[in-house]
Amino acid sequence: MDLLESLATRYSQGPRQLAAPGPDRRQLEQAVALAGRAPDHLGLAPWRFVLVGAGQRARLGELFTDAATRRGAPAAEVERAPHHAAKAPVLLAVVAQVREDFVEVPPHEQWMSVGAAVMNLLDALHLQGFGAKLLSGDSVDDAALQAAFCGPGERLVAWVVCGTPTTPGRARPDAPSKPRLSDWA
């Protein structure tokens, strides 16, 4: 299968469709290196990925539980919260540092770089035979989680879960609600 055909089979696969093994350190480093090929005007590097190791999942689960409690989530959601940290074989935090002080590279362009890096990462993981999905939710807005993952000027924006797919990816319908390519009139 050529690369374009392979990329055409990439679908997001969540934690329920992922099993061990996940990518090893070398495979993750290769995927992150390919993420680094994303457009990045002036080389601001407005993104990074943080690996949450197996030994750190319990602590992250505590942070998820505390965050759910602080936001007043229902008891059942608070009870499930720590399990979100352990669902997938590999878990990465996506951290962005979008700067307002660069006139040459406005924030929207930096956010596009963050998104392109995430997509390159997801594609690289797929090409290595892994499934992955970008997740966000209320946890990324929690101050304690932000403090746990971010330095000054950074923001936790999402999570990437990855592992070996247990089921084939499911295609979305190909009929978009509006055209994805049009001619300039």
Protein backbone atom coordinates (compact mmCIF):
# COMPACT_ATOMS: atom_id res chain seq x y z
CA MET A 1 0.00 0.00 0.00
CA ASP A 2 1.45 3.40 -0.85
CA LEU A 3 1.57 6.20 1.74
CA LEU A 4 -1.45 8.10 0.40
CA GLU A 5 -3.55 4.94 0.43
CA SER A 6 -2.38 4.21 3.95
CA LEU A 7 -3.17 7.73 5.17
CA ALA A 8 -6.63 7.41 3.61
CA THR A 9 -7.30 4.59 6.10
CA ARG A 10 -6.41 6.66 9.21
CA TYR A 11 -9.29 7.15 11.60
CA SER A 12 -9.32 8.26 15.19
CA GLN A 13 -9.45 5.30 17.54
CA GLY A 14 -10.26 5.95 21.17
CA PRO A 15 -9.11 4.14 24.29
CA ARG A 16 -11.75 1.40 23.99
CA GLN A 17 -10.30 0.38 20.61
CA LEU A 18 -6.66 0.40 21.74
CA ALA A 19 -4.61 -2.29 23.44
CA ALA A 20 -0.99 -2.86 24.33
CA PRO A 21 1.53 -2.60 22.99
CA GLY A 22 1.68 1.08 22.30
CA PRO A 23 4.56 2.77 20.57
CA ASP A 24 7.90 2.44 22.36
CA ARG A 25 10.16 5.40 23.11
CA ARG A 26 11.97 5.21 19.76
CA GLN A 27 8.68 5.11 17.84
CA LEU A 28 7.31 8.04 19.85
CA GLU A 29 10.47 10.05 19.23
CA GLN A 30 10.19 9.33 15.51
CA ALA A 31 6.52 10.43 15.50
CA VAL A 32 7.39 13.61 17.41
CA ALA A 33 10.23 14.33 14.97
CA LEU A 34 7.70 14.08 12.13
CA ALA A 35 5.37 16.36 14.08
CA GLY A 36 8.24 18.83 13.97
CA ARG A 37 7.85 19.03 10.19
CA ALA A 38 4.66 21.09 10.73
CA PRO A 39 4.74 24.66 9.41
CA ASP A 40 6.35 26.91 12.02
CA HIS A 41 6.91 30.49 10.86
CA LEU A 42 10.05 31.92 12.53
CA GLY A 43 10.63 28.63 14.35
CA LEU A 44 8.61 29.57 17.42
CA ALA A 45 7.95 25.89 18.22
CA PRO A 46 4.55 26.64 19.81
CA TRP A 47 3.91 23.03 20.87
CA ARG A 48 5.35 20.08 22.72
CA PHE A 49 4.19 16.65 23.82
CA VAL A 50 4.54 15.27 27.35
CA LEU A 51 4.58 11.50 27.84
CA VAL A 52 2.65 10.29 30.89
CA GLY A 53 4.43 7.07 31.85
CA ALA A 54 2.75 3.99 33.28
CA GLY A 55 4.09 4.80 36.74
CA GLN A 56 2.54 8.27 36.58
CA ARG A 57 -1.00 7.22 35.67
CA ALA A 58 -2.23 6.88 39.28
CA ARG A 59 -1.12 10.45 40.06
CA LEU A 60 -2.80 11.73 36.89
CA GLY A 61 -5.94 9.81 37.91
CA GLU A 62 -5.91 11.68 41.22
CA LEU A 63 -5.64 14.98 39.35
CA PHE A 64 -8.58 13.97 37.11
CA THR A 65 -10.64 13.05 40.20
CA ASP A 66 -9.81 16.32 41.95
CA ALA A 67 -10.65 18.29 38.79
CA ALA A 68 -14.02 16.54 38.41
CA THR A 69 -14.80 17.25 42.08
CA ARG A 70 -13.84 20.94 41.75
CA ARG A 71 -16.09 21.46 38.73
CA GLY A 72 -19.02 19.83 40.54
CA ALA A 73 -19.32 16.78 38.29
CA PRO A 74 -21.90 14.15 39.23
CA ALA A 75 -20.68 11.45 41.64
CA ALA A 76 -20.59 8.77 38.91
CA GLU A 77 -18.31 10.98 36.78
CA VAL A 78 -16.01 11.66 39.74
CA GLU A 79 -15.83 7.90 40.37
CA ARG A 80 -14.88 7.21 36.72
CA ALA A 81 -12.37 10.08 36.50
CA PRO A 82 -9.23 8.21 37.64
CA HIS A 83 -9.82 5.48 35.08
CA HIS A 84 -9.39 7.96 32.21
CA ALA A 85 -5.69 8.16 33.05
CA ALA A 86 -5.16 4.43 32.51
CA LYS A 87 -7.40 3.59 29.54
CA ALA A 88 -4.86 3.69 26.71
CA PRO A 89 -1.42 2.05 26.49
CA VAL A 90 0.26 5.40 25.75
CA LEU A 91 -0.89 8.85 26.83
CA LEU A 92 0.59 12.16 25.73
CA ALA A 93 -0.35 15.65 26.85
CA VAL A 94 -0.39 18.31 24.13
CA VAL A 95 1.02 21.59 25.44
CA ALA A 96 0.95 24.83 23.45
CA GLN A 97 2.78 28.10 23.93
CA VAL A 98 1.07 30.61 21.69
CA ARG A 99 2.63 34.03 22.00
CA GLU A 100 0.81 37.30 21.48
CA ASP A 101 4.00 39.36 21.13
CA PHE A 102 5.00 38.29 17.60
CA VAL A 103 3.44 40.59 15.02
CA GLU A 104 5.03 38.53 12.24
CA VAL A 105 3.35 35.35 13.50
CA PRO A 106 -0.14 36.11 14.85
CA PRO A 107 -1.75 33.70 17.34
CA HIS A 108 -4.01 32.08 14.75
CA GLU A 109 -0.94 31.07 12.73
CA GLN A 110 0.72 29.60 15.81
CA TRP A 111 -2.46 27.62 16.61
CA MET A 112 -2.40 26.28 13.06
CA SER A 113 1.15 25.08 13.72
CA VAL A 114 0.01 23.31 16.89
CA GLY A 115 -2.79 21.58 14.97
CA ALA A 116 -0.50 20.62 12.11
CA ALA A 117 2.00 19.12 14.55
CA VAL A 118 -0.75 17.06 16.20
CA MET A 119 -1.95 15.81 12.80
CA ASN A 120 1.60 14.93 11.75
CA LEU A 121 1.97 13.00 15.02
CA LEU A 122 -1.31 11.12 14.46
CA ASP A 123 -0.33 10.31 10.87
CA ALA A 124 3.14 9.12 11.94
CA LEU A 125 1.62 6.84 14.59
CA HIS A 126 -0.80 5.45 12.00
CA LEU A 127 2.00 4.78 9.52
CA GLN A 128 3.80 2.86 12.28
CA GLY A 129 0.72 0.65 12.72
CA PHE A 130 -0.80 2.29 15.79
CA GLY A 131 -4.21 3.77 16.44
CA ALA A 132 -4.57 7.13 18.13
CA LYS A 133 -7.05 9.84 19.00
CA LEU A 134 -6.95 13.45 20.14
CA LEU A 135 -9.10 14.06 23.24
CA SER A 136 -9.84 17.17 25.25
CA GLY A 137 -12.75 17.84 27.60
CA ASP A 138 -13.02 19.68 30.88
CA SER A 139 -9.75 18.32 32.25
CA VAL A 140 -7.62 20.54 30.02
CA ASP A 141 -9.14 23.66 31.59
CA ASP A 142 -8.40 22.65 35.18
CA ALA A 143 -5.85 24.91 36.88
CA ALA A 144 -4.12 22.05 38.74
CA LEU A 145 -3.71 20.02 35.55
CA GLN A 146 -2.45 23.11 33.76
CA ALA A 147 0.11 23.61 36.54
CA ALA A 148 1.16 19.95 36.43
CA PHE A 149 2.00 20.03 32.72
CA CYS A 150 2.77 23.62 31.80
CA GLY A 151 5.46 26.16 32.34
CA PRO A 152 5.03 29.93 32.13
CA GLY A 153 3.03 31.00 29.06
CA GLU A 154 2.00 27.44 28.19
CA ARG A 155 -1.43 25.84 28.02
CA LEU A 156 -2.52 22.20 28.20
CA VAL A 157 -4.80 21.84 25.16
CA ALA A 158 -5.47 18.14 24.64
CA TRP A 159 -4.46 14.52 25.17
CA VAL A 160 -3.33 11.97 22.61
CA VAL A 161 -4.09 8.33 23.37
CA CYS A 162 -2.43 5.62 21.31
CA GLY A 163 -1.89 1.89 21.14
CA THR A 164 -2.50 -1.11 18.93
CA PRO A 165 -5.94 -1.03 17.30
CA THR A 166 -8.26 -3.86 18.37
CA THR A 167 -10.86 -3.06 15.71
CA PRO A 168 -10.62 -1.50 12.26
CA GLY A 169 -11.10 2.25 12.15
CA ARG A 170 -14.54 3.44 11.16
CA ALA A 171 -14.89 5.85 8.27
CA ARG A 172 -16.96 8.97 8.59
CA PRO A 173 -19.50 9.58 5.87
CA ASP A 174 -17.80 11.19 2.87
CA ALA A 175 -20.60 13.69 2.33
CA PRO A 176 -19.46 16.88 4.09
CA SER A 177 -22.10 19.47 4.90
CA LYS A 178 -20.27 22.01 2.74
CA PRO A 179 -17.67 21.70 -0.02
CA ARG A 180 -14.12 21.21 1.19
CA LEU A 181 -12.61 22.51 -2.03
CA SER A 182 -14.02 25.23 -4.19
CA ASP A 183 -12.83 27.64 -6.84
CA TRP A 184 -12.35 31.28 -6.02
CA ALA A 185 -15.09 33.21 -7.75
